[in-house]
Amino acid sequence: MIDDDEPFDTDDDEEGDAPAAARHPKPVASVRLDKWLWAARFYKTRSIAKEAIDAGHVRYDGQRTKVAKDVAIGAEISVRKGQDELQVTVRERSDQRLAAPFARLLYAETEASKARRAREAELRAAADDLSSDRPNKLQRRLIHKFKRSLGRG
C-alpha cells in the first residue's frame, strides 16, 4: 500500500538528472560560533568550545573572535586542536549536534590545511623515531655485542 503523505524514492535515475547535493538536515538562519563548533564536532561540549575561543585557539577570518560571533556561510575558521591546526570554510550553519557524517557537511577543510597537517604529521613521526633517549632492542643487542668484543661484558 502506498502512503500518499510521504514522497516515494525512486532508485532509477533518468539521464540528465543530477544527484541531489548532500545537505545537513537541520540548517538554521544564524548560529553562534561556539554552538557551530560544537555542532560540527570540533569540540565535545560548548563550554570547551567557549574556552578554546577565549584562549585564542579559534580564529574567524584570520582574527580573534568572541563566542557569540554569528557564523556566516563562506567564512574561514582556523581551529587549533592539540598540535594540529585545521582551516575550514563554513558550508552550512546548524545548531544541532548530529552524527559525524552530517557534521562533516557543515564545513570543508582547505587543501592547504590538509597538506600542511599531513606534512606536520610526517615530521612528528620522524622526530619520534629520532628523539628516543633509550636504545631499542636491536640497539641494545649491538651495544652488548660491542662490549663483549672489547672484553667488558
Protein backbone atom coordinates (compact mmCIF):
# COMPACT_ATOMS: atom_id res chain seq x y z
CA MET A 1 0.00 0.00 0.00
CA ILE A 2 1.33 3.45 -0.87
CA ASP A 3 1.07 6.27 1.61
CA ASP A 4 0.18 9.48 -0.23
CA ASP A 5 1.55 11.73 2.51
CA GLU A 6 5.17 10.66 2.05
CA PRO A 7 7.02 11.08 -1.24
CA PHE A 8 8.42 7.84 -2.58
CA ASP A 9 12.04 7.44 -3.60
CA THR A 10 12.91 6.05 -6.99
CA ASP A 11 16.25 4.37 -7.38
CA ASP A 12 16.38 4.59 -11.16
CA ASP A 13 17.99 7.84 -12.25
CA GLU A 14 16.97 9.31 -15.56
CA GLU A 15 19.65 10.67 -17.84
CA GLY A 16 20.33 14.34 -17.29
CA ASP A 17 19.20 14.31 -13.67
CA ALA A 18 21.97 15.41 -11.33
CA PRO A 19 22.09 13.77 -7.90
CA ALA A 20 20.87 15.99 -5.10
CA ALA A 21 23.67 17.73 -3.20
CA ALA A 22 24.21 16.36 0.29
CA ARG A 23 22.91 18.78 2.90
CA HIS A 24 22.90 18.88 6.66
CA PRO A 25 19.33 18.06 7.74
CA LYS A 26 18.98 20.92 10.23
CA PRO A 27 20.35 24.18 8.73
CA VAL A 28 19.44 27.43 10.52
CA ALA A 29 19.48 31.11 9.64
CA SER A 30 22.03 32.13 12.29
CA VAL A 31 24.15 30.40 14.89
CA ARG A 32 26.78 31.41 17.46
CA LEU A 33 30.38 30.36 16.85
CA ASP A 34 30.65 28.21 19.97
CA LYS A 35 27.44 26.36 19.08
CA TRP A 36 28.58 25.83 15.47
CA LEU A 37 31.96 24.44 16.60
CA TRP A 38 30.11 22.05 18.92
CA ALA A 39 27.62 21.03 16.20
CA ALA A 40 30.47 20.49 13.70
CA ARG A 41 32.12 18.20 16.30
CA PHE A 42 35.34 20.15 16.71
CA TYR A 43 34.76 20.19 20.48
CA LYS A 44 32.90 17.77 22.72
CA THR A 45 31.00 20.44 24.67
CA ARG A 46 30.03 24.05 24.14
CA SER A 47 31.93 25.07 27.26
CA ILE A 48 35.14 23.55 25.85
CA ALA A 49 34.49 25.40 22.58
CA LYS A 50 33.99 28.63 24.56
CA GLU A 51 37.28 28.13 26.42
CA ALA A 52 39.12 27.50 23.13
CA ILE A 53 37.68 30.67 21.58
CA ASP A 54 38.55 32.74 24.67
CA ALA A 55 42.10 31.29 24.68
CA GLY A 56 42.61 32.33 21.04
CA HIS A 57 42.73 28.78 19.61
CA VAL A 58 39.93 29.65 17.19
CA ARG A 59 40.22 32.40 14.59
CA TYR A 60 37.39 33.67 12.43
CA ASP A 61 38.53 35.10 9.08
CA GLY A 62 42.07 35.41 10.47
CA GLN A 63 41.06 37.42 13.55
CA ARG A 64 40.49 36.54 17.18
CA THR A 65 36.80 36.47 17.85
CA LYS A 66 34.16 36.27 20.55
CA VAL A 67 31.99 33.33 21.50
CA ALA A 68 28.74 34.94 20.32
CA LYS A 69 30.03 35.75 16.82
CA ASP A 70 27.41 34.92 14.18
CA VAL A 71 28.82 32.34 11.75
CA ALA A 72 28.44 33.26 8.08
CA ILE A 73 28.49 30.81 5.21
CA GLY A 74 31.83 31.04 3.40
CA ALA A 75 33.73 32.25 6.47
CA GLU A 76 37.24 30.89 7.09
CA ILE A 77 37.70 29.41 10.55
CA SER A 78 41.04 28.20 11.96
CA VAL A 79 40.76 25.67 14.78
CA ARG A 80 43.79 24.57 16.79
CA LYS A 81 43.39 21.18 18.44
CA GLY A 82 46.47 19.80 20.11
CA GLN A 83 49.32 20.02 17.63
CA ASP A 84 47.07 20.29 14.58
CA GLU A 85 45.54 23.42 13.12
CA LEU A 86 42.64 22.98 10.74
CA GLN A 87 41.48 25.67 8.36
CA VAL A 88 37.92 25.18 7.26
CA THR A 89 35.36 27.05 5.20
CA VAL A 90 31.81 27.16 6.53
CA ARG A 91 29.38 25.48 4.14
CA GLU A 92 26.24 25.35 6.30
CA ARG A 93 25.04 26.54 9.68
CA SER A 94 23.48 24.29 12.29
CA ASP A 95 22.85 24.50 16.00
CA GLN A 96 22.20 20.77 16.46
CA ARG A 97 24.89 18.18 17.04
CA LEU A 98 24.21 15.21 14.80
CA ALA A 99 26.18 12.19 13.66
CA ALA A 100 29.71 12.73 12.35
CA PRO A 101 28.81 12.24 8.65
CA PHE A 102 26.27 15.08 8.93
CA ALA A 103 28.71 17.23 10.92
CA ARG A 104 31.25 16.99 8.09
CA LEU A 105 28.69 18.60 5.77
CA LEU A 106 28.90 21.82 7.78
CA TYR A 107 32.45 22.63 6.65
CA ALA A 108 35.12 21.91 4.06
CA GLU A 109 38.79 21.75 5.03
CA THR A 110 41.05 23.68 2.68
CA GLU A 111 43.56 21.79 0.54
CA ALA A 112 46.43 23.81 2.02
CA SER A 113 45.32 22.79 5.52
CA LYS A 114 45.17 19.10 4.56
CA ALA A 115 48.65 19.23 3.02
CA ARG A 116 50.12 21.12 5.99
CA ARG A 117 48.61 18.70 8.53
CA ALA A 118 49.92 15.68 6.59
CA ARG A 119 53.41 17.21 6.36
CA GLU A 120 53.45 18.06 10.08
CA ALA A 121 52.27 14.54 10.97
CA GLU A 122 55.16 13.07 8.95
CA LEU A 123 57.64 15.38 10.67
CA ARG A 124 56.29 14.42 14.11
CA ALA A 125 56.53 10.73 13.24
CA ALA A 126 60.12 11.17 12.06
CA ALA A 127 61.01 13.19 15.17
CA ASP A 128 59.56 10.49 17.42
CA ASP A 129 61.88 7.94 15.84
CA LEU A 130 64.94 10.16 16.34
CA SER A 131 64.17 11.59 19.76
CA SER A 132 64.06 8.39 21.74
CA ASP A 133 66.58 8.64 24.60
CA ARG A 134 66.62 4.92 25.25
CA PRO A 135 68.05 2.43 22.77
CA ASN A 136 65.63 -0.03 21.23
CA LYS A 137 66.06 -3.79 21.41
CA LEU A 138 68.28 -4.05 18.35
CA GLN A 139 70.49 -1.19 19.52
CA ARG A 140 70.85 -2.78 22.98
CA ARG A 141 71.94 -6.06 21.38
CA LEU A 142 74.54 -4.24 19.30
CA ILE A 143 75.83 -2.42 22.40
CA HIS A 144 76.16 -5.72 24.30
CA LYS A 145 77.88 -7.35 21.33
CA PHE A 146 80.33 -4.42 21.08
CA LYS A 147 81.11 -4.57 24.83
CA ARG A 148 81.70 -8.32 24.65
CA SER A 149 84.09 -7.80 21.74
CA LEU A 150 86.08 -5.41 23.95
CA GLY A 151 86.08 -7.94 26.77
CA ARG A 152 83.96 -5.77 29.11
CA GLY A 153 80.73 -7.64 29.26
